[in-house]
Amino acid sequence: MKNLKINSKKFAVILILLLVLSGCKEKPKEEKESKRPNFLFVLVDDQSPFDLQTYDSNSILETPTISKLAEEGIVFDQARHMGSMNGAVCTPSRHMIMSGKTLWHLPPSAEFQKQTDPHEIDQQTIGAVFNRAGYKTMRTCKKGNSYPGANKQFSIVKDATKRGGTEETGSAWHSKQVLSYLNEREQVKEKDPFFIYFGFSHPHDKRDGTPELLEKYGAVNHKDKNSIPELNDKQPQLPPNYLEEHPFHHGHPDLRDEVRVSGVWKNRDENTIRNELGREFACSENIDIQLNKVLNKLEAMGELDNTYIIYTADHGMAIGRHGLQGKQNLYEHTWRVPFIIKGPNLPAGKRVDGNIYLLDILPTLCDLAGIEAPKTVEGKSFVPVLNGEQEAVRDVMYGVYCGGTKPGMRTVKKGDWKLIKYDVLDGKVRETQLFNLAKNPNEYIDEHEKEDEMQTNLANNPKYSQKLAEMETLLLEQMKLHEDPYRLWDQPQVN
């Protein structure tokens, strides 16, 4: 009897211990299930997707962090900004990112930031939306050419334009702001999820890279208008669609990015362009290095696996392609943007077309966070694409540049076909281009002197007159759909 009592007591103690241990095991699982995802939104300033090996395997730009992100996440091959009504293309682009609104429905501050008074849409932008949803929001990015009303909605703002070649004057400054914020979260044991807007001021000109990275890509910060930089074997080669000049004027007289960028100016010779690409690559690799620091910190904190990481740019960039230098054109190197996303429950190593605009970001992030998107949003969530339910969110893509003389440039793309039209300089330049991007992905034109019939502008080829008419009709439909206030010379004019 005595032994039986002792055994009974022992059994009771063991049973209690098992129940306690069992409860302890279940608790983290419950916490994990209820934990909301974090967001790290990375935006760089002026980067063609074709700079990256993810989009061009021949590129010598080394960005191991971004490449790894692509291998572990989803790469979008058809991501674009919708366009601009002014020369500072980044301004309307960032308005669209923040608000989810289409180009012609943006607040007045999107146009040269002449009017930056508070606007009702300010309260429906990323920072405000995620604040209301209980997220801790933090932002670091360049100052100027942005969306002031949306930027100030973030709880913590550390903005400064940093385009130099040192720790304090370059991209490292932005990473330090994020790392400092993450350290503070650790110290106070912050439990609420975060939304970090991790913006860079590079690789935007003047592209002053760090000395060691400039040396790596054979580039110098050229400042003498009366000479050209020397060629160097370390420099990137000329892009395949390089030209010494564009065959007709782009329609924006005295455009800064085409004629006044330090180190380039009006020069389009091989020496200048290869040196400038080297400077661009030096700045881009530094961005990769800084991003790696932040991702390592998130991993050390145990937050990386629960964080959606989005990498993109506000628009692409020419730098010698088609004889152009800036971002004020609608060729693929400038209209398209890099776009990579990795996060909880997303597949790894996947590529999709997507057919997304940057203005689709806000509704998508809301969808991923389980937040209702503002009623003001006009973009579309591409979560169905992320989940593999569909390949693209739309069939047709529409683009604008009319920062110079009006009505400017327009483009439309459907499937493999793309139309670009130019109506500038008070009718002095009226041009039409038709490309089949499957056969001519570099958008070669006559001046590239390719032998393949398909590798040129097909607008004047009678064989494709029906396709041209079809794309012309499609362009007008898109202009009406998006309430474009202008019409081109060969379209019915607006009443």
Protein backbone atom coordinates (compact mmCIF):
# COMPACT_ATOMS: atom_id res chain seq x y z
CA MET A 1 0.00 0.00 0.00
CA LYS A 2 2.81 2.30 0.96
CA ASN A 3 4.58 1.74 -2.38
CA LEU A 4 1.32 2.25 -4.21
CA LYS A 5 0.84 5.65 -2.55
CA ILE A 6 4.41 6.69 -3.42
CA ASN A 7 3.95 5.57 -7.03
CA SER A 8 0.68 7.45 -7.22
CA LYS A 9 2.38 10.63 -6.04
CA LYS A 10 5.20 10.17 -8.53
CA PHE A 11 2.69 9.59 -11.31
CA ALA A 12 0.80 12.76 -10.38
CA VAL A 13 4.01 14.83 -10.41
CA ILE A 14 5.05 13.37 -13.78
CA LEU A 15 1.59 14.04 -15.20
CA ILE A 16 1.69 17.67 -14.06
CA LEU A 17 5.17 18.12 -15.55
CA LEU A 18 4.06 16.65 -18.86
CA LEU A 19 1.06 18.99 -18.98
CA VAL A 20 3.26 22.01 -18.19
CA LEU A 21 5.83 21.02 -20.81
CA SER A 22 3.10 20.34 -23.30
CA GLY A 23 1.66 23.78 -22.70
CA CYS A 24 5.09 25.34 -23.15
CA LYS A 25 5.50 23.62 -26.50
CA GLU A 26 2.15 24.81 -27.75
CA LYS A 27 2.62 28.46 -26.83
CA PRO A 28 5.29 29.36 -29.43
CA LYS A 29 3.17 27.67 -32.07
CA GLU A 30 0.22 29.89 -31.17
CA GLU A 31 2.46 32.96 -31.16
CA LYS A 32 3.87 32.00 -34.54
CA GLU A 33 0.41 31.54 -36.00
CA SER A 34 -0.74 34.95 -34.78
CA LYS A 35 2.42 36.85 -35.70
CA ARG A 36 1.84 39.38 -38.46
CA PRO A 37 4.37 39.72 -41.30
CA ASN A 38 6.91 42.52 -41.52
CA PHE A 39 7.74 44.44 -44.69
CA LEU A 40 11.06 45.74 -46.02
CA PHE A 41 10.38 47.78 -49.14
CA VAL A 42 13.61 48.60 -51.00
CA LEU A 43 13.48 51.37 -53.63
CA VAL A 44 16.52 52.50 -55.62
CA ASP A 45 16.76 55.65 -57.69
CA ASP A 46 17.35 55.24 -61.46
CA GLN A 47 18.16 51.61 -62.28
CA SER A 48 17.52 49.72 -65.49
CA PRO A 49 16.60 46.08 -64.90
CA PHE A 50 19.20 45.17 -67.53
CA ASP A 51 22.00 46.36 -65.25
CA LEU A 52 21.31 43.32 -63.05
CA GLN A 53 22.43 39.79 -63.85
CA THR A 54 18.92 38.69 -62.86
CA TYR A 55 17.70 40.35 -66.08
CA ASP A 56 20.86 40.22 -68.20
CA SER A 57 23.21 37.28 -67.66
CA ASN A 58 25.94 39.14 -69.58
CA SER A 59 26.08 42.01 -67.09
CA ILE A 60 29.32 42.29 -65.12
CA LEU A 61 27.57 44.07 -62.24
CA GLU A 62 28.02 41.93 -59.12
CA THR A 63 25.04 42.06 -56.78
CA PRO A 64 25.10 38.75 -54.88
CA THR A 65 22.48 39.86 -52.36
CA ILE A 66 19.98 40.84 -55.04
CA SER A 67 20.75 37.69 -57.05
CA LYS A 68 20.16 35.56 -53.95
CA LEU A 69 16.91 37.40 -53.32
CA ALA A 70 15.87 36.48 -56.87
CA GLU A 71 16.85 32.84 -56.36
CA GLU A 72 14.85 32.65 -53.14
CA GLY A 73 11.87 34.68 -54.29
CA ILE A 74 9.81 35.67 -57.32
CA VAL A 75 11.17 37.76 -60.22
CA PHE A 76 8.76 39.85 -62.29
CA ASP A 77 9.80 40.21 -65.93
CA GLN A 78 7.08 42.68 -66.84
CA ALA A 79 7.04 45.37 -64.15
CA ARG A 80 6.74 49.02 -65.21
CA HIS A 81 6.10 52.54 -64.03
CA MET A 82 3.16 54.15 -65.81
CA GLY A 83 5.04 57.29 -66.78
CA SER A 84 5.41 60.99 -66.10
CA MET A 85 4.00 64.38 -66.94
CA ASN A 86 7.27 66.11 -66.01
CA GLY A 87 11.01 65.73 -66.45
CA ALA A 88 11.52 64.44 -62.90
CA VAL A 89 10.08 61.00 -63.70
CA CYS A 90 10.76 59.81 -60.16
CA THR A 91 8.23 62.27 -58.71
CA PRO A 92 5.01 60.89 -60.25
CA SER A 93 6.46 57.38 -60.00
CA ARG A 94 6.83 57.71 -56.23
CA HIS A 95 3.39 59.25 -55.96
CA MET A 96 1.98 56.17 -57.72
CA ILE A 97 3.91 53.80 -55.44
CA MET A 98 2.68 55.55 -52.32
CA SER A 99 -0.95 56.04 -53.32
CA GLY A 100 -1.86 53.29 -55.78
CA LYS A 101 -3.33 55.98 -58.05
CA THR A 102 -2.87 56.09 -61.81
CA LEU A 103 -0.78 58.81 -63.47
CA TRP A 104 -3.48 61.28 -64.39
CA HIS A 105 -5.27 61.03 -61.02
CA LEU A 106 -2.33 61.97 -58.78
CA PRO A 107 -2.27 64.94 -56.39
CA PRO A 108 -0.91 68.26 -57.78
CA SER A 109 2.42 67.68 -55.99
CA ALA A 110 3.22 64.99 -58.59
CA GLU A 111 3.89 67.73 -61.13
CA PHE A 112 7.15 69.46 -60.19
CA GLN A 113 5.97 69.64 -56.57
CA LYS A 114 4.69 73.15 -57.20
CA GLN A 115 1.73 72.57 -54.90
CA THR A 116 2.52 70.51 -51.81
CA ASP A 117 -0.44 71.52 -49.64
CA PRO A 118 -2.09 68.68 -47.72
CA HIS A 119 -4.26 66.53 -49.97
CA GLU A 120 -6.97 64.03 -48.99
CA ILE A 121 -5.05 61.20 -50.67
CA ASP A 122 -2.11 61.78 -48.29
CA GLN A 123 -4.03 59.89 -45.60
CA GLN A 124 -4.55 56.93 -47.93
CA THR A 125 -0.87 56.31 -48.64
CA ILE A 126 1.42 53.51 -47.46
CA GLY A 127 2.64 55.06 -44.21
CA ALA A 128 -0.80 56.17 -43.05
CA VAL A 129 -2.48 52.89 -44.02
CA PHE A 130 0.06 50.73 -42.17
CA ASN A 131 0.06 53.05 -39.14
CA ARG A 132 -3.69 52.61 -38.79
CA ALA A 133 -3.27 48.85 -39.07
CA GLY A 134 -0.97 48.75 -36.04
CA TYR A 135 2.37 48.60 -37.82
CA LYS A 136 5.44 50.54 -36.75
CA THR A 137 6.50 52.50 -39.81
CA MET A 138 9.96 53.84 -40.62
CA ARG A 139 11.33 55.52 -43.74
CA THR A 140 14.72 56.56 -45.06
CA CYS A 141 15.22 57.89 -48.59
CA LYS A 142 16.39 60.86 -50.61
CA LYS A 143 14.91 64.30 -50.13
CA GLY A 144 13.07 65.99 -52.98
CA ASN A 145 11.44 64.75 -56.20
CA SER A 146 9.12 62.56 -54.16
CA TYR A 147 5.71 62.76 -52.47
CA PRO A 148 6.06 65.01 -49.40
CA GLY A 149 2.50 64.47 -48.18
CA ALA A 150 2.97 60.71 -48.12
CA ASN A 151 6.52 60.71 -46.76
CA LYS A 152 5.54 62.51 -43.57
CA GLN A 153 2.95 59.83 -42.74
CA PHE A 154 5.68 57.43 -41.57
CA SER A 155 6.20 57.48 -37.79
CA ILE A 156 9.98 57.72 -38.14
CA VAL A 157 11.49 59.62 -41.08
CA LYS A 158 15.22 59.81 -41.76
CA ASP A 159 15.47 61.41 -45.19
CA ALA A 160 18.56 62.92 -46.80
CA THR A 161 19.99 62.92 -50.30
CA LYS A 162 23.18 60.85 -50.18
CA ARG A 163 24.93 60.43 -53.54
CA GLY A 164 28.55 60.61 -52.49
CA GLY A 165 31.33 58.06 -52.32
CA THR A 166 31.85 57.80 -48.55
CA GLU A 167 30.08 56.10 -45.63
CA GLU A 168 28.51 59.37 -44.55
CA THR A 169 27.69 60.78 -48.00
CA GLY A 170 26.58 57.62 -49.81
CA SER A 171 24.31 54.59 -49.60
CA ALA A 172 25.77 53.41 -46.28
CA TRP A 173 24.04 56.35 -44.62
CA HIS A 174 20.62 54.95 -45.53
CA SER A 175 21.48 51.46 -44.29
CA LYS A 176 22.70 52.92 -40.99
CA GLN A 177 19.30 54.53 -40.44
CA VAL A 178 17.56 51.18 -40.89
CA LEU A 179 20.07 49.31 -38.73
CA SER A 180 19.72 51.93 -35.99
CA TYR A 181 15.94 51.55 -36.09
CA LEU A 182 16.18 47.76 -35.86
CA ASN A 183 18.59 48.03 -32.92
CA GLU A 184 16.11 50.27 -31.11
CA ARG A 185 13.34 47.73 -31.70
CA GLU A 186 15.55 45.07 -30.16
CA GLN A 187 16.36 47.16 -27.12
CA VAL A 188 12.75 47.96 -26.27
CA LYS A 189 11.60 44.45 -27.26
CA GLU A 190 9.08 45.86 -29.75
CA LYS A 191 6.41 43.27 -30.63
CA ASP A 192 4.35 45.14 -33.22
CA PRO A 193 5.25 44.33 -36.85
CA PHE A 194 7.23 46.82 -38.89
CA PHE A 195 6.99 48.41 -42.30
CA ILE A 196 10.36 49.82 -43.37
CA TYR A 197 10.64 51.95 -46.51
CA PHE A 198 14.33 51.48 -47.34
CA GLY A 199 15.09 54.00 -50.08
CA PHE A 200 18.44 54.88 -51.64
CA SER A 201 19.65 58.07 -53.32
CA HIS A 202 21.82 56.06 -55.74
CA PRO A 203 22.55 55.02 -58.47
CA HIS A 204 21.13 58.39 -59.57
CA ASP A 205 23.80 60.75 -60.92
CA LYS A 206 26.31 62.08 -60.23
CA ARG A 207 27.05 58.44 -59.46
CA ASP A 208 29.97 59.11 -57.13
CA GLY A 209 30.79 55.58 -56.06
CA THR A 210 33.19 54.51 -53.35
CA PRO A 211 36.86 54.60 -54.49
CA GLU A 212 37.27 50.81 -54.32
CA LEU A 213 34.12 50.11 -56.35
CA LEU A 214 34.92 52.77 -58.94
CA GLU A 215 38.31 51.11 -59.33
CA LYS A 216 36.66 47.69 -59.63
CA TYR A 217 34.59 48.86 -62.61
CA GLY A 218 37.36 50.96 -64.15
CA ALA A 219 35.45 54.21 -63.69
CA VAL A 220 36.42 57.75 -62.71
CA ASN A 221 34.33 60.71 -61.62
CA HIS A 222 35.00 62.61 -64.83
CA LYS A 223 34.52 66.36 -64.47
CA ASP A 224 36.31 67.94 -67.44
CA LYS A 225 33.98 69.05 -70.24
CA ASN A 226 36.92 69.47 -72.61
CA SER A 227 38.07 65.85 -72.49
CA ILE A 228 36.68 62.34 -72.36
CA PRO A 229 37.58 59.62 -69.85
CA GLU A 230 40.02 56.89 -70.79
CA LEU A 231 38.83 53.42 -71.73
CA ASN A 232 39.55 50.66 -69.25
CA ASP A 233 39.24 46.87 -69.62
CA LYS A 234 37.38 46.72 -66.31
CA GLN A 235 34.57 48.94 -67.60
CA PRO A 236 31.25 47.43 -68.71
CA GLN A 237 30.97 46.93 -72.46
CA LEU A 238 28.57 49.08 -74.48
CA PRO A 239 24.98 47.85 -74.29
CA PRO A 240 23.79 45.95 -77.40
CA ASN A 241 21.37 48.72 -78.39
CA TYR A 242 23.92 51.51 -77.95
CA LEU A 243 23.88 54.35 -80.48
CA GLU A 244 26.01 57.47 -80.77
CA GLU A 245 22.82 59.50 -81.06
CA HIS A 246 19.09 59.01 -81.22
CA PRO A 247 17.78 59.40 -84.78
CA PHE A 248 15.35 62.18 -83.84
CA HIS A 249 14.93 64.65 -80.98
CA HIS A 250 13.31 63.29 -77.83
CA GLY A 251 11.14 66.38 -77.58
CA HIS A 252 12.39 67.93 -74.36
CA PRO A 253 14.74 70.84 -75.19
CA ASP A 254 17.60 71.40 -72.72
CA LEU A 255 16.57 68.32 -70.76
CA ARG A 256 18.95 68.08 -67.82
CA ASP A 257 19.37 64.30 -67.91
CA GLU A 258 20.29 64.36 -71.60
CA VAL A 259 22.64 67.33 -71.82
CA ARG A 260 23.67 68.54 -68.35
CA VAL A 261 24.61 65.49 -66.27
CA SER A 262 28.14 65.96 -64.93
CA GLY A 263 30.62 63.64 -66.59
CA VAL A 264 28.41 63.02 -69.61
CA TRP A 265 26.78 66.22 -70.86
CA LYS A 266 26.05 65.81 -74.58
CA ASN A 267 28.73 63.15 -75.11
CA ARG A 268 27.67 59.71 -76.32
CA ASP A 269 31.06 58.32 -77.34
CA GLU A 270 32.17 54.86 -76.21
CA ASN A 271 34.60 56.21 -73.61
CA THR A 272 31.99 58.35 -71.90
CA ILE A 273 29.22 55.75 -71.89
CA ARG A 274 31.40 52.88 -70.65
CA ASN A 275 32.81 55.07 -67.91
CA GLU A 276 29.32 56.17 -66.91
CA LEU A 277 28.08 52.59 -66.81
CA GLY A 278 31.06 51.80 -64.58
CA ARG A 279 30.01 54.57 -62.21
CA GLU A 280 26.44 53.29 -62.27
CA PHE A 281 27.61 49.76 -61.45
CA ALA A 282 29.83 50.97 -58.62
CA CYS A 283 26.84 52.67 -56.99
CA SER A 284 24.57 49.68 -57.57
CA GLU A 285 26.99 47.19 -56.03
CA ASN A 286 27.24 49.41 -52.96
CA ILE A 287 23.45 49.28 -52.65
CA ASP A 288 23.73 45.50 -52.70
CA ILE A 289 26.31 45.60 -49.91
CA GLN A 290 24.11 47.84 -47.76
CA LEU A 291 21.03 45.69 -48.35
CA ASN A 292 23.03 42.65 -47.22
CA LYS A 293 23.80 44.35 -43.89
CA VAL A 294 20.11 44.89 -43.20
CA LEU A 295 19.12 41.36 -44.21
CA ASN A 296 21.84 39.94 -41.95
CA LYS A 297 20.49 42.02 -39.07
CA LEU A 298 16.95 40.76 -39.67
CA GLU A 299 18.25 37.20 -39.67
CA ALA A 300 20.11 37.75 -36.40
CA MET A 301 16.91 39.12 -34.88
CA GLY A 302 14.94 36.09 -36.04
CA GLU A 303 12.72 38.32 -38.20
CA LEU A 304 13.94 37.50 -41.71
CA ASP A 305 11.66 34.52 -42.35
CA ASN A 306 8.64 36.58 -41.32
CA THR A 307 9.50 39.56 -43.52
CA TYR A 308 8.37 40.32 -47.06
CA ILE A 309 11.29 41.87 -48.96
CA ILE A 310 10.46 43.85 -52.07
CA TYR A 311 13.23 45.18 -54.33
CA THR A 312 12.49 47.63 -57.14
CA ALA A 313 13.37 51.00 -58.72
CA ASP A 314 11.28 54.08 -59.46
CA HIS A 315 12.06 53.72 -63.20
CA GLY A 316 14.74 52.47 -65.56
CA MET A 317 17.60 54.37 -67.20
CA ALA A 318 19.16 54.67 -70.66
CA ILE A 319 22.89 55.48 -70.22
CA GLY A 320 23.81 55.13 -73.90
CA ARG A 321 21.06 52.78 -74.97
CA HIS A 322 19.43 54.11 -78.18
CA GLY A 323 21.76 57.12 -77.98
CA LEU A 324 19.90 58.41 -74.92
CA GLN A 325 21.18 59.13 -71.44
CA GLY A 326 18.24 59.76 -69.13
CA LYS A 327 14.94 58.33 -67.95
CA GLN A 328 12.67 60.38 -70.20
CA ASN A 329 11.85 57.77 -72.84
CA LEU A 330 9.63 54.70 -73.23
CA TYR A 331 12.05 52.05 -74.45
CA GLU A 332 12.13 48.86 -72.36
CA HIS A 333 15.39 49.80 -70.60
CA THR A 334 13.64 52.80 -69.09
CA TRP A 335 9.94 51.95 -68.98
CA ARG A 336 10.58 48.63 -67.23
CA VAL A 337 11.85 48.32 -63.65
CA PRO A 338 13.49 45.48 -61.72
CA PHE A 339 11.01 43.84 -59.37
CA ILE A 340 11.77 40.99 -56.95
CA ILE A 341 9.75 39.83 -53.95
CA LYS A 342 10.53 37.22 -51.31
CA GLY A 343 8.56 36.42 -48.20
CA PRO A 344 6.59 34.03 -46.01
CA ASN A 345 4.93 31.20 -47.96
CA LEU A 346 6.07 32.52 -51.34
CA PRO A 347 7.72 30.08 -53.77
CA ALA A 348 11.45 30.28 -54.46
CA GLY A 349 13.19 30.65 -57.82
CA LYS A 350 10.08 31.57 -59.76
CA ARG A 351 9.76 33.99 -62.70
CA VAL A 352 6.50 35.52 -63.85
CA ASP A 353 5.44 38.11 -66.39
CA GLY A 354 3.08 39.81 -63.97
CA ASN A 355 2.27 42.85 -66.12
CA ILE A 356 2.32 45.01 -63.03
CA TYR A 357 2.69 48.74 -62.52
CA LEU A 358 4.43 50.22 -59.51
CA LEU A 359 1.03 51.58 -58.52
CA ASP A 360 -0.03 47.98 -57.81
CA ILE A 361 2.32 47.84 -54.83
CA LEU A 362 0.02 49.39 -52.21
CA PRO A 363 -2.99 47.08 -52.78
CA THR A 364 -0.65 44.08 -52.91
CA LEU A 365 1.06 44.95 -49.63
CA CYS A 366 -2.33 45.48 -48.01
CA ASP A 367 -3.43 42.09 -49.30
CA LEU A 368 -0.33 40.38 -47.90
CA ALA A 369 -0.79 42.11 -44.53
CA GLY A 370 -4.50 41.34 -44.31
CA ILE A 371 -5.36 45.04 -44.46
CA GLU A 372 -8.24 46.49 -46.46
CA ALA A 373 -6.83 48.67 -49.24
CA PRO A 374 -8.06 52.29 -49.36
CA LYS A 375 -11.03 52.97 -51.64
CA THR A 376 -8.88 55.54 -53.46
CA VAL A 377 -6.55 52.83 -54.83
CA GLU A 378 -6.71 52.21 -58.58
CA GLY A 379 -3.94 49.62 -58.78
CA LYS A 380 -4.51 45.87 -58.64
CA SER A 381 -3.23 43.39 -56.09
CA PHE A 382 -0.89 40.89 -57.72
CA VAL A 383 -1.18 38.37 -54.87
CA PRO A 384 -2.95 35.97 -57.30
CA VAL A 385 0.25 36.06 -59.38
CA LEU A 386 2.38 35.41 -56.28
CA ASN A 387 0.17 32.45 -55.41
CA GLY A 388 0.37 30.99 -58.90
CA GLU A 389 -3.31 31.49 -59.62
CA GLN A 390 -2.61 33.63 -62.69
CA GLU A 391 0.39 34.74 -64.75
CA ALA A 392 -0.49 38.43 -65.03
CA VAL A 393 -2.91 40.98 -63.57
CA ARG A 394 -3.66 42.71 -66.88
CA ASP A 395 -3.21 42.10 -70.61
CA VAL A 396 -2.30 45.61 -71.73
CA MET A 397 0.34 48.04 -70.45
CA TYR A 398 0.22 51.79 -71.12
CA GLY A 399 3.04 54.32 -70.69
CA VAL A 400 3.54 58.09 -70.90
CA TYR A 401 6.25 60.66 -71.12
CA CYS A 402 5.17 64.25 -71.67
CA GLY A 403 7.55 66.15 -69.45
CA GLY A 404 8.79 68.18 -72.41
CA THR A 405 6.81 69.50 -75.36
CA LYS A 406 3.23 68.25 -75.51
CA PRO A 407 1.56 65.89 -76.09
CA GLY A 408 4.82 63.93 -75.84
CA MET A 409 5.37 60.17 -76.09
CA ARG A 410 2.91 57.33 -75.56
CA THR A 411 3.35 53.58 -75.61
CA VAL A 412 1.16 50.52 -75.37
CA LYS A 413 2.14 46.85 -75.09
CA LYS A 414 0.09 43.70 -75.52
CA GLY A 415 1.65 40.27 -75.73
CA ASP A 416 4.83 40.46 -77.80
CA TRP A 417 3.85 43.69 -79.54
CA LYS A 418 4.70 47.21 -78.52
CA LEU A 419 3.90 50.60 -80.06
CA ILE A 420 5.67 53.89 -79.26
CA LYS A 421 4.51 57.22 -80.68
CA TYR A 422 6.23 60.61 -80.51
CA ASP A 423 4.42 63.92 -81.04
CA VAL A 424 6.76 66.67 -79.88
CA LEU A 425 8.37 70.01 -80.72
CA ASP A 426 5.09 71.51 -81.97
CA GLY A 427 4.67 68.87 -84.63
CA LYS A 428 8.26 68.92 -85.89
CA VAL A 429 8.79 65.36 -84.65
CA ARG A 430 6.00 62.87 -85.29
CA GLU A 431 7.28 59.32 -85.25
CA THR A 432 5.82 55.84 -84.82
CA GLN A 433 7.67 52.69 -83.77
CA LEU A 434 6.33 49.13 -83.77
CA PHE A 435 8.33 46.32 -82.19
CA ASN A 436 7.87 42.61 -81.74
CA LEU A 437 9.65 42.15 -78.41
CA ALA A 438 9.88 38.37 -78.75
CA LYS A 439 11.97 38.78 -81.92
CA ASN A 440 13.49 42.15 -81.03
CA PRO A 441 13.85 42.42 -77.23
CA ASN A 442 16.49 45.16 -77.53
CA GLU A 443 14.16 47.28 -79.67
CA TYR A 444 16.70 47.67 -82.44
CA ILE A 445 15.84 50.38 -84.95
CA ASP A 446 17.14 51.01 -88.49
CA GLU A 447 20.25 52.75 -87.15
CA HIS A 448 21.37 49.51 -85.46
CA GLU A 449 21.63 47.98 -88.96
CA LYS A 450 20.46 44.45 -88.10
CA GLU A 451 19.90 41.99 -90.96
CA ASP A 452 16.90 40.21 -89.44
CA GLU A 453 13.73 41.81 -90.80
CA MET A 454 12.06 41.59 -87.39
CA GLN A 455 14.92 43.30 -85.56
CA THR A 456 13.95 46.83 -86.40
CA ASN A 457 11.04 49.27 -86.31
CA LEU A 458 8.16 47.61 -88.19
CA ALA A 459 5.82 50.61 -88.31
CA ASN A 460 6.60 51.32 -91.97
CA ASN A 461 6.61 47.69 -93.09
CA PRO A 462 3.41 46.95 -95.12
CA LYS A 463 3.39 43.35 -93.81
CA TYR A 464 2.51 44.65 -90.37
CA SER A 465 0.01 47.37 -91.29
CA GLN A 466 -2.85 45.41 -89.71
CA LYS A 467 -0.91 44.92 -86.47
CA LEU A 468 -0.01 48.60 -86.49
CA ALA A 469 -3.68 49.59 -86.85
CA GLU A 470 -4.61 47.21 -84.05
CA MET A 471 -2.00 48.71 -81.70
CA GLU A 472 -3.01 52.26 -82.64
CA THR A 473 -6.59 51.47 -81.66
CA LEU A 474 -5.42 49.86 -78.44
CA LEU A 475 -3.34 52.92 -77.53
CA LEU A 476 -6.29 55.26 -77.94
CA GLU A 477 -8.44 52.96 -75.81
CA GLN A 478 -5.85 53.06 -73.03
CA MET A 479 -5.52 56.83 -73.24
CA LYS A 480 -9.27 57.17 -72.82
CA LEU A 481 -9.39 54.56 -70.07
CA HIS A 482 -6.76 56.41 -68.02
CA GLU A 483 -8.24 59.85 -68.79
CA ASP A 484 -5.13 61.03 -70.61
CA PRO A 485 -5.77 64.76 -71.19
CA TYR A 486 -3.86 64.80 -74.51
CA ARG A 487 -4.23 63.34 -77.98
CA LEU A 488 -1.58 62.65 -80.62
CA TRP A 489 -1.60 64.17 -84.11
CA ASP A 490 -3.35 61.22 -85.77
CA GLN A 491 -5.98 60.64 -83.07
CA PRO A 492 -9.44 62.21 -82.68
CA GLN A 493 -8.90 65.29 -80.58
CA VAL A 494 -10.40 65.86 -77.13
CA ASN A 495 -13.43 68.15 -77.14
